[in-house]
Structures are given as structure tokens and as C-alpha cells.
Amino acid sequence: MAPEPTRIAVSEFKATCLKLLEQVRCTGSPVLVTKRGEPIAMVVPPPPPRVHPSWLGLGAATGRIVGDIVSPVVAEGEWEAAAP
């Protein structure tokens, strides 16, 4: 469950804006800014950064083995250079 936001008047928010933004960043608790008791804005922490995987290994587990991988690809006698 998300933490309950801290309620703060807009005048106090204006006076302590940088401190409150740092508090939100460090604690992850949102701050609800009010004007005459009515909510006008909510300061919430940003979502966690997306971790981009390295391009190395992106094709892992995508290949398929089709047929025999041990025997030669060409039939015996098809290569002239291989003939005795």
C-alpha cells in the first residue's frame, strides 16, 4: 500500500520547496499541496529508471537446432578440393 501523503499548505511549500523535493526523493513519500485546505497538487517521486539490457546476449535462447549438428554439412564427394 502506498504511503499516506504529507499535507502542506501552498505558502509553506513555496518557502520550503527544495527541501520538500529532496525529502520526496529520499523517502519516496508523496506530498499533497493544499490551498485553503483543498488539494491542488501532489508531488510524487519519479518511477524507477528502466534498466536497458546490454546488447550482448540479446539473442540468447532464441536459436534452434534443426537436424544433425555433428555431421558435415555437404555430402561426401561434393567438394573437389576434398577429393584425394
PDB file of N, CA and C in Angstrom:
ATOM      1  N   MET A   1       0.840  -1.175   0.000  1.00  0.00           N
ATOM      2  CA  MET A   1       0.000   0.000   0.000  1.00  0.00           C
ATOM      3  C   MET A   1       0.891   1.246   0.000  1.00  0.00           C
ATOM      4  N   ALA A   2       0.488   2.258  -0.754  1.00  0.00           N
ATOM      5  CA  ALA A   2       1.276   3.480  -0.879  1.00  0.00           C
ATOM      6  C   ALA A   2       1.236   4.264   0.433  1.00  0.00           C
ATOM      7  N   PRO A   3       2.337   4.954   0.752  1.00  0.00           N
ATOM      8  CA  PRO A   3       2.351   5.745   1.984  1.00  0.00           C
ATOM      9  C   PRO A   3       1.371   6.917   1.900  1.00  0.00           C
ATOM     10  N   GLU A   4       0.824   7.290   3.042  1.00  0.00           N
ATOM     11  CA  GLU A   4      -0.097   8.438   3.118  1.00  0.00           C
ATOM     12  C   GLU A   4       0.684   9.712   2.823  1.00  0.00           C
ATOM     13  N   PRO A   5       0.171  10.569   1.923  1.00  0.00           N
ATOM     14  CA  PRO A   5       0.915  11.794   1.601  1.00  0.00           C
ATOM     15  C   PRO A   5       0.916  12.788   2.760  1.00  0.00           C
ATOM     16  N   THR A   6       2.004  13.524   2.863  1.00  0.00           N
ATOM     17  CA  THR A   6       2.108  14.606   3.833  1.00  0.00           C
ATOM     18  C   THR A   6       1.353  15.807   3.271  1.00  0.00           C
ATOM     19  N   ARG A   7       0.454  16.399   4.060  1.00  0.00           N
ATOM     20  CA  ARG A   7      -0.303  17.569   3.612  1.00  0.00           C
ATOM     21  C   ARG A   7       0.465  18.832   3.997  1.00  0.00           C
ATOM     22  N   ILE A   8       0.546  19.765   3.075  1.00  0.00           N
ATOM     23  CA  ILE A   8       1.274  21.008   3.336  1.00  0.00           C
ATOM     24  C   ILE A   8       0.574  22.147   2.585  1.00  0.00           C
ATOM     25  N   ALA A   9       0.494  23.290   3.225  1.00  0.00           N
ATOM     26  CA  ALA A   9      -0.126  24.469   2.596  1.00  0.00           C
ATOM     27  C   ALA A   9       0.783  24.996   1.492  1.00  0.00           C
ATOM     28  N   VAL A  10       0.179  25.589   0.484  1.00  0.00           N
ATOM     29  CA  VAL A  10       0.936  26.087  -0.659  1.00  0.00           C
ATOM     30  C   VAL A  10       1.953  27.145  -0.234  1.00  0.00           C
ATOM     31  N   SER A  11       1.621  27.972   0.744  1.00  0.00           N
ATOM     32  CA  SER A  11       2.572  29.004   1.196  1.00  0.00           C
ATOM     33  C   SER A  11       3.804  28.363   1.832  1.00  0.00           C
ATOM     34  N   GLU A  12       3.598  27.298   2.627  1.00  0.00           N
ATOM     35  CA  GLU A  12       4.737  26.598   3.227  1.00  0.00           C
ATOM     36  C   GLU A  12       5.531  25.842   2.159  1.00  0.00           C
ATOM     37  N   PHE A  13       4.821  25.278   1.181  1.00  0.00           N
ATOM     38  CA  PHE A  13       5.509  24.587   0.088  1.00  0.00           C
ATOM     39  C   PHE A  13       6.418  25.549  -0.664  1.00  0.00           C
ATOM     40  N   LYS A  14       5.900  26.756  -0.918  1.00  0.00           N
ATOM     41  CA  LYS A  14       6.687  27.760  -1.641  1.00  0.00           C
ATOM     42  C   LYS A  14       7.961  28.108  -0.873  1.00  0.00           C
ATOM     43  N   ALA A  15       7.864  28.197   0.430  1.00  0.00           N
ATOM     44  CA  ALA A  15       9.013  28.581   1.256  1.00  0.00           C
ATOM     45  C   ALA A  15      10.030  27.450   1.404  1.00  0.00           C
ATOM     46  N   THR A  16       9.573  26.199   1.316  1.00  0.00           N
ATOM     47  CA  THR A  16      10.470  25.054   1.565  1.00  0.00           C
ATOM     48  C   THR A  16      10.505  24.078   0.399  1.00  0.00           C
ATOM     49  N   CYS A  17      10.274  24.570  -0.796  1.00  0.00           N
ATOM     50  CA  CYS A  17      10.140  23.718  -1.981  1.00  0.00           C
ATOM     51  C   CYS A  17      11.333  22.775  -2.185  1.00  0.00           C
ATOM     52  N   LEU A  18      12.535  23.298  -2.203  1.00  0.00           N
ATOM     53  CA  LEU A  18      13.703  22.456  -2.477  1.00  0.00           C
ATOM     54  C   LEU A  18      13.896  21.382  -1.408  1.00  0.00           C
ATOM     55  N   LYS A  19      13.681  21.765  -0.164  1.00  0.00           N
ATOM     56  CA  LYS A  19      13.804  20.801   0.933  1.00  0.00           C
ATOM     57  C   LYS A  19      12.763  19.691   0.787  1.00  0.00           C
ATOM     58  N   LEU A  20      11.521  20.056   0.441  1.00  0.00           N
ATOM     59  CA  LEU A  20      10.465  19.063   0.279  1.00  0.00           C
ATOM     60  C   LEU A  20      10.716  18.142  -0.910  1.00  0.00           C
ATOM     61  N   LEU A  21      11.226  18.700  -1.996  1.00  0.00           N
ATOM     62  CA  LEU A  21      11.543  17.866  -3.156  1.00  0.00           C
ATOM     63  C   LEU A  21      12.623  16.844  -2.809  1.00  0.00           C
ATOM     64  N   GLU A  22      13.611  17.253  -2.051  1.00  0.00           N
ATOM     65  CA  GLU A  22      14.653  16.326  -1.623  1.00  0.00           C
ATOM     66  C   GLU A  22      14.079  15.266  -0.687  1.00  0.00           C
ATOM     67  N   GLN A  23      13.163  15.663   0.169  1.00  0.00           N
ATOM     68  CA  GLN A  23      12.506  14.716   1.077  1.00  0.00           C
ATOM     69  C   GLN A  23      11.730  13.662   0.289  1.00  0.00           C
ATOM     70  N   VAL A  24      11.002  14.094  -0.729  1.00  0.00           N
ATOM     71  CA  VAL A  24      10.243  13.160  -1.563  1.00  0.00           C
ATOM     72  C   VAL A  24      11.193  12.204  -2.275  1.00  0.00           C
ATOM     73  N   ARG A  25      12.291  12.729  -2.780  1.00  0.00           N
ATOM     74  CA  ARG A  25      13.257  11.883  -3.479  1.00  0.00           C
ATOM     75  C   ARG A  25      13.859  10.835  -2.552  1.00  0.00           C
ATOM     76  N   CYS A  26      14.213  11.237  -1.341  1.00  0.00           N
ATOM     77  CA  CYS A  26      14.879  10.327  -0.401  1.00  0.00           C
ATOM     78  C   CYS A  26      13.934   9.312   0.228  1.00  0.00           C
ATOM     79  N   THR A  27      12.740   9.747   0.615  1.00  0.00           N
ATOM     80  CA  THR A  27      11.830   8.861   1.347  1.00  0.00           C
ATOM     81  C   THR A  27      10.837   8.144   0.450  1.00  0.00           C
ATOM     82  N   GLY A  28      10.527   8.722  -0.697  1.00  0.00           N
ATOM     83  CA  GLY A  28       9.526   8.125  -1.574  1.00  0.00           C
ATOM     84  C   GLY A  28       8.109   8.458  -1.148  1.00  0.00           C
ATOM     85  N   SER A  29       7.946   9.252  -0.072  1.00  0.00           N
ATOM     86  CA  SER A  29       6.613   9.650   0.402  1.00  0.00           C
ATOM     87  C   SER A  29       6.116  10.849  -0.385  1.00  0.00           C
ATOM     88  N   PRO A  30       4.891  10.796  -0.884  1.00  0.00           N
ATOM     89  CA  PRO A  30       4.357  11.941  -1.621  1.00  0.00           C
ATOM     90  C   PRO A  30       4.002  13.089  -0.697  1.00  0.00           C
ATOM     91  N   VAL A  31       3.893  14.292  -1.270  1.00  0.00           N
ATOM     92  CA  VAL A  31       3.498  15.496  -0.543  1.00  0.00           C
ATOM     93  C   VAL A  31       2.288  16.077  -1.258  1.00  0.00           C
ATOM     94  N   LEU A  32       1.207  16.279  -0.504  1.00  0.00           N
ATOM     95  CA  LEU A  32      -0.017  16.858  -1.046  1.00  0.00           C
ATOM     96  C   LEU A  32      -0.022  18.348  -0.717  1.00  0.00           C
ATOM     97  N   VAL A  33      -0.047  19.181  -1.749  1.00  0.00           N
ATOM     98  CA  VAL A  33      -0.032  20.631  -1.572  1.00  0.00           C
ATOM     99  C   VAL A  33      -1.481  21.106  -1.580  1.00  0.00           C
ATOM    100  N   THR A  34      -1.843  21.893  -0.562  1.00  0.00           N
ATOM    101  CA  THR A  34      -3.230  22.350  -0.432  1.00  0.00           C
ATOM    102  C   THR A  34      -3.299  23.877  -0.442  1.00  0.00           C
ATOM    103  N   LYS A  35      -4.469  24.374  -0.832  1.00  0.00           N
ATOM    104  CA  LYS A  35      -4.751  25.810  -0.785  1.00  0.00           C
ATOM    105  C   LYS A  35      -6.107  25.954  -0.108  1.00  0.00           C
ATOM    106  N   ARG A  36      -6.086  26.559   1.060  1.00  0.00           N
ATOM    107  CA  ARG A  36      -7.291  26.693   1.887  1.00  0.00           C
ATOM    108  C   ARG A  36      -7.902  25.323   2.187  1.00  0.00           C
ATOM    109  N   GLY A  37      -7.039  24.351   2.399  1.00  0.00           N
ATOM    110  CA  GLY A  37      -7.492  23.016   2.765  1.00  0.00           C
ATOM    111  C   GLY A  37      -7.859  22.118   1.599  1.00  0.00           C
ATOM    112  N   GLU A  38      -7.938  22.662   0.397  1.00  0.00           N
ATOM    113  CA  GLU A  38      -8.289  21.870  -0.792  1.00  0.00           C
ATOM    114  C   GLU A  38      -7.023  21.445  -1.532  1.00  0.00           C
ATOM    115  N   PRO A  39      -6.912  20.179  -1.905  1.00  0.00           N
ATOM    116  CA  PRO A  39      -5.728  19.718  -2.642  1.00  0.00           C
ATOM    117  C   PRO A  39      -5.619  20.413  -4.001  1.00  0.00           C
ATOM    118  N   ILE A  40      -4.406  20.870  -4.321  1.00  0.00           N
ATOM    119  CA  ILE A  40      -4.175  21.485  -5.638  1.00  0.00           C
ATOM    120  C   ILE A  40      -3.073  20.776  -6.416  1.00  0.00           C
ATOM    121  N   ALA A  41      -2.199  20.062  -5.719  1.00  0.00           N
ATOM    122  CA  ALA A  41      -1.112  19.356  -6.409  1.00  0.00           C
ATOM    123  C   ALA A  41      -0.560  18.271  -5.498  1.00  0.00           C
ATOM    124  N   MET A  42       0.047  17.280  -6.128  1.00  0.00           N
ATOM    125  CA  MET A  42       0.727  16.233  -5.373  1.00  0.00           C
ATOM    126  C   MET A  42       2.112  16.039  -5.975  1.00  0.00           C
ATOM    127  N   VAL A  43       3.105  16.063  -5.112  1.00  0.00           N
ATOM    128  CA  VAL A  43       4.482  15.833  -5.528  1.00  0.00           C
ATOM    129  C   VAL A  43       4.794  14.383  -5.188  1.00  0.00           C
ATOM    130  N   VAL A  44       5.125  13.607  -6.217  1.00  0.00           N
ATOM    131  CA  VAL A  44       5.423  12.184  -6.023  1.00  0.00           C
ATOM    132  C   VAL A  44       6.808  11.881  -6.582  1.00  0.00           C
ATOM    133  N   PRO A  45       7.465  10.849  -6.066  1.00  0.00           N
ATOM    134  CA  PRO A  45       8.782  10.507  -6.617  1.00  0.00           C
ATOM    135  C   PRO A  45       8.638   9.944  -8.028  1.00  0.00           C
ATOM    136  N   PRO A  46       9.665  10.086  -8.839  1.00  0.00           N
ATOM    137  CA  PRO A  46       9.605   9.539 -10.198  1.00  0.00           C
ATOM    138  C   PRO A  46       9.654   8.019 -10.152  1.00  0.00           C
ATOM    139  N   PRO A  47       9.186   7.374 -11.214  1.00  0.00           N
ATOM    140  CA  PRO A  47       9.277   5.912 -11.261  1.00  0.00           C
ATOM    141  C   PRO A  47      10.746   5.493 -11.342  1.00  0.00           C
ATOM    142  N   PRO A  48      11.041   4.264 -10.926  1.00  0.00           N
ATOM    143  CA  PRO A  48      12.436   3.819 -11.016  1.00  0.00           C
ATOM    144  C   PRO A  48      12.886   3.796 -12.478  1.00  0.00           C
ATOM    145  N   PRO A  49      14.161   4.077 -12.727  1.00  0.00           N
ATOM    146  CA  PRO A  49      14.644   4.091 -14.108  1.00  0.00           C
ATOM    147  C   PRO A  49      14.565   2.704 -14.736  1.00  0.00           C
ATOM    148  N   ARG A  50      14.236   2.690 -16.008  1.00  0.00           N
ATOM    149  CA  ARG A  50      14.214   1.419 -16.740  1.00  0.00           C
ATOM    150  C   ARG A  50      15.649   0.989 -16.993  1.00  0.00           C
ATOM    151  N   VAL A  51      15.921  -0.250 -16.687  1.00  0.00           N
ATOM    152  CA  VAL A  51      17.259  -0.781 -16.910  1.00  0.00           C
ATOM    153  C   VAL A  51      17.277  -1.402 -18.301  1.00  0.00           C
ATOM    154  N   HIS A  52      18.072  -0.810 -19.169  1.00  0.00           N
ATOM    155  CA  HIS A  52      18.193  -1.342 -20.524  1.00  0.00           C
ATOM    156  C   HIS A  52      19.252  -2.440 -20.509  1.00  0.00           C
ATOM    157  N   PRO A  53      18.890  -3.610 -20.996  1.00  0.00           N
ATOM    158  CA  PRO A  53      19.885  -4.679 -21.007  1.00  0.00           C
ATOM    159  C   PRO A  53      21.002  -4.374 -21.997  1.00  0.00           C
ATOM    160  N   SER A  54      22.127  -4.943 -21.736  1.00  0.00           N
ATOM    161  CA  SER A  54      23.244  -4.795 -22.653  1.00  0.00           C
ATOM    162  C   SER A  54      22.881  -5.468 -23.973  1.00  0.00           C
ATOM    163  N   TRP A  55      23.416  -4.979 -25.060  1.00  0.00           N
ATOM    164  CA  TRP A  55      23.137  -5.611 -26.348  1.00  0.00           C
ATOM    165  C   TRP A  55      23.799  -6.978 -26.431  1.00  0.00           C
ATOM    166  N   LEU A  56      24.794  -7.205 -25.577  1.00  0.00           N
ATOM    167  CA  LEU A  56      25.427  -8.518 -25.553  1.00  0.00           C
ATOM    168  C   LEU A  56      24.459  -9.527 -24.954  1.00  0.00           C
ATOM    169  N   GLY A  57      24.233 -10.597 -25.638  1.00  0.00           N
ATOM    170  CA  GLY A  57      23.362 -11.637 -25.128  1.00  0.00           C
ATOM    171  C   GLY A  57      21.895 -11.441 -25.448  1.00  0.00           C
ATOM    172  N   LEU A  58      21.547 -10.430 -26.250  1.00  0.00           N
ATOM    173  CA  LEU A  58      20.141 -10.226 -26.564  1.00  0.00           C
ATOM    174  C   LEU A  58      19.543 -11.392 -27.346  1.00  0.00           C
ATOM    175  N   GLY A  59      20.368 -12.110 -28.086  1.00  0.00           N
ATOM    176  CA  GLY A  59      19.857 -13.242 -28.858  1.00  0.00           C
ATOM    177  C   GLY A  59      19.926 -14.564 -28.110  1.00  0.00           C
ATOM    178  N   ALA A  60      20.305 -14.524 -26.841  1.00  0.00           N
ATOM    179  CA  ALA A  60      20.420 -15.759 -26.064  1.00  0.00           C
ATOM    180  C   ALA A  60      19.067 -16.456 -25.997  1.00  0.00           C
ATOM    181  N   ALA A  61      19.113 -17.757 -26.126  1.00  0.00           N
ATOM    182  CA  ALA A  61      17.918 -18.610 -26.030  1.00  0.00           C
ATOM    183  C   ALA A  61      16.928 -18.370 -27.164  1.00  0.00           C
ATOM    184  N   THR A  62      17.386 -17.832 -28.302  1.00  0.00           N
ATOM    185  CA  THR A  62      16.466 -17.628 -29.420  1.00  0.00           C
ATOM    186  C   THR A  62      16.779 -18.540 -30.602  1.00  0.00           C
ATOM    187  N   GLY A  63      17.899 -19.241 -30.555  1.00  0.00           N
ATOM    188  CA  GLY A  63      18.269 -20.119 -31.664  1.00  0.00           C
ATOM    189  C   GLY A  63      17.612 -21.490 -31.550  1.00  0.00           C
ATOM    190  N   ARG A  64      17.571 -22.190 -32.680  1.00  0.00           N
ATOM    191  CA  ARG A  64      17.033 -23.545 -32.702  1.00  0.00           C
ATOM    192  C   ARG A  64      18.026 -24.445 -33.422  1.00  0.00           C
ATOM    193  N   ILE A  65      18.138 -25.661 -32.958  1.00  0.00           N
ATOM    194  CA  ILE A  65      18.961 -26.656 -33.640  1.00  0.00           C
ATOM    195  C   ILE A  65      18.029 -27.476 -34.516  1.00  0.00           C
ATOM    196  N   VAL A  66      18.324 -27.467 -35.827  1.00  0.00           N
ATOM    197  CA  VAL A  66      17.495 -28.198 -36.774  1.00  0.00           C
ATOM    198  C   VAL A  66      18.388 -29.216 -37.465  1.00  0.00           C
ATOM    199  N   GLY A  67      18.137 -30.461 -37.221  1.00  0.00           N
ATOM    200  CA  GLY A  67      18.912 -31.510 -37.862  1.00  0.00           C
ATOM    201  C   GLY A  67      20.159 -31.856 -37.075  1.00  0.00           C
ATOM    202  N   ASP A  68      21.067 -32.560 -37.742  1.00  0.00           N
ATOM    203  CA  ASP A  68      22.293 -33.060 -37.130  1.00  0.00           C
ATOM    204  C   ASP A  68      23.353 -31.968 -37.148  1.00  0.00           C
ATOM    205  N   ILE A  69      23.886 -31.606 -35.990  1.00  0.00           N
ATOM    206  CA  ILE A  69      24.899 -30.549 -35.941  1.00  0.00           C
ATOM    207  C   ILE A  69      26.315 -31.113 -35.885  1.00  0.00           C
ATOM    208  N   VAL A  70      26.465 -32.445 -35.898  1.00  0.00           N
ATOM    209  CA  VAL A  70      27.774 -33.060 -35.784  1.00  0.00           C
ATOM    210  C   VAL A  70      28.328 -33.447 -37.151  1.00  0.00           C
ATOM    211  N   SER A  71      27.495 -34.008 -38.016  1.00  0.00           N
ATOM    212  CA  SER A  71      27.986 -34.488 -39.314  1.00  0.00           C
ATOM    213  C   SER A  71      28.243 -33.310 -40.250  1.00  0.00           C
ATOM    214  N   PRO A  72      29.054 -33.514 -41.285  1.00  0.00           N
ATOM    215  CA  PRO A  72      29.366 -32.441 -42.241  1.00  0.00           C
ATOM    216  C   PRO A  72      28.103 -31.917 -42.923  1.00  0.00           C
ATOM    217  N   VAL A  73      28.172 -30.664 -43.360  1.00  0.00           N
ATOM    218  CA  VAL A  73      27.029 -30.031 -44.000  1.00  0.00           C
ATOM    219  C   VAL A  73      26.823 -30.589 -45.398  1.00  0.00           C
ATOM    220  N   VAL A  74      27.903 -30.789 -46.142  1.00  0.00           N
ATOM    221  CA  VAL A  74      27.794 -31.289 -47.516  1.00  0.00           C
ATOM    222  C   VAL A  74      28.053 -32.789 -47.532  1.00  0.00           C
ATOM    223  N   ALA A  75      27.435 -33.445 -48.475  1.00  0.00           N
ATOM    224  CA  ALA A  75      27.640 -34.888 -48.604  1.00  0.00           C
ATOM    225  C   ALA A  75      29.062 -35.173 -49.076  1.00  0.00           C
ATOM    226  N   GLU A  76      29.538 -36.342 -48.747  1.00  0.00           N
ATOM    227  CA  GLU A  76      30.905 -36.724 -49.114  1.00  0.00           C
ATOM    228  C   GLU A  76      31.057 -36.736 -50.634  1.00  0.00           C
ATOM    229  N   GLY A  77      32.157 -36.199 -51.145  1.00  0.00           N
ATOM    230  CA  GLY A  77      32.430 -36.189 -52.566  1.00  0.00           C
ATOM    231  C   GLY A  77      31.919 -34.937 -53.275  1.00  0.00           C
ATOM    232  N   GLU A  78      31.235 -34.042 -52.613  1.00  0.00           N
ATOM    233  CA  GLU A  78      30.719 -32.846 -53.265  1.00  0.00           C
ATOM    234  C   GLU A  78      31.785 -31.761 -53.403  1.00  0.00           C
ATOM    235  N   TRP A  79      32.833 -31.805 -52.613  1.00  0.00           N
ATOM    236  CA  TRP A  79      33.870 -30.804 -52.702  1.00  0.00           C
ATOM    237  C   TRP A  79      35.044 -31.337 -53.505  1.00  0.00           C
ATOM    238  N   GLU A  80      35.402 -30.635 -54.527  1.00  0.00           N
ATOM    239  CA  GLU A  80      36.521 -31.077 -55.354  1.00  0.00           C
ATOM    240  C   GLU A  80      37.831 -31.001 -54.597  1.00  0.00           C
ATOM    241  N   ALA A  81      37.994 -29.992 -53.761  1.00  0.00           N
ATOM    242  CA  ALA A  81      39.250 -29.827 -53.038  1.00  0.00           C
ATOM    243  C   ALA A  81      39.446 -30.930 -52.016  1.00  0.00           C
ATOM    244  N   ALA A  82      38.377 -31.531 -51.564  1.00  0.00           N
ATOM    245  CA  ALA A  82      38.492 -32.576 -50.543  1.00  0.00           C
ATOM    246  C   ALA A  82      38.772 -33.943 -51.160  1.00  0.00           C
ATOM    247  N   ALA A  83      38.639 -34.086 -52.476  1.00  0.00           N
ATOM    248  CA  ALA A  83      38.848 -35.392 -53.100  1.00  0.00           C
ATOM    249  C   ALA A  83      40.339 -35.745 -53.120  1.00  0.00           C
ATOM    250  N   PRO A  84      40.670 -37.023 -52.899  1.00  0.00           N
ATOM    251  CA  PRO A  84      42.084 -37.456 -52.898  1.00  0.00           C
ATOM    252  C   PRO A  84      42.734 -37.447 -54.249  1.00  0.00           C
TER     253      PRO A  84
END
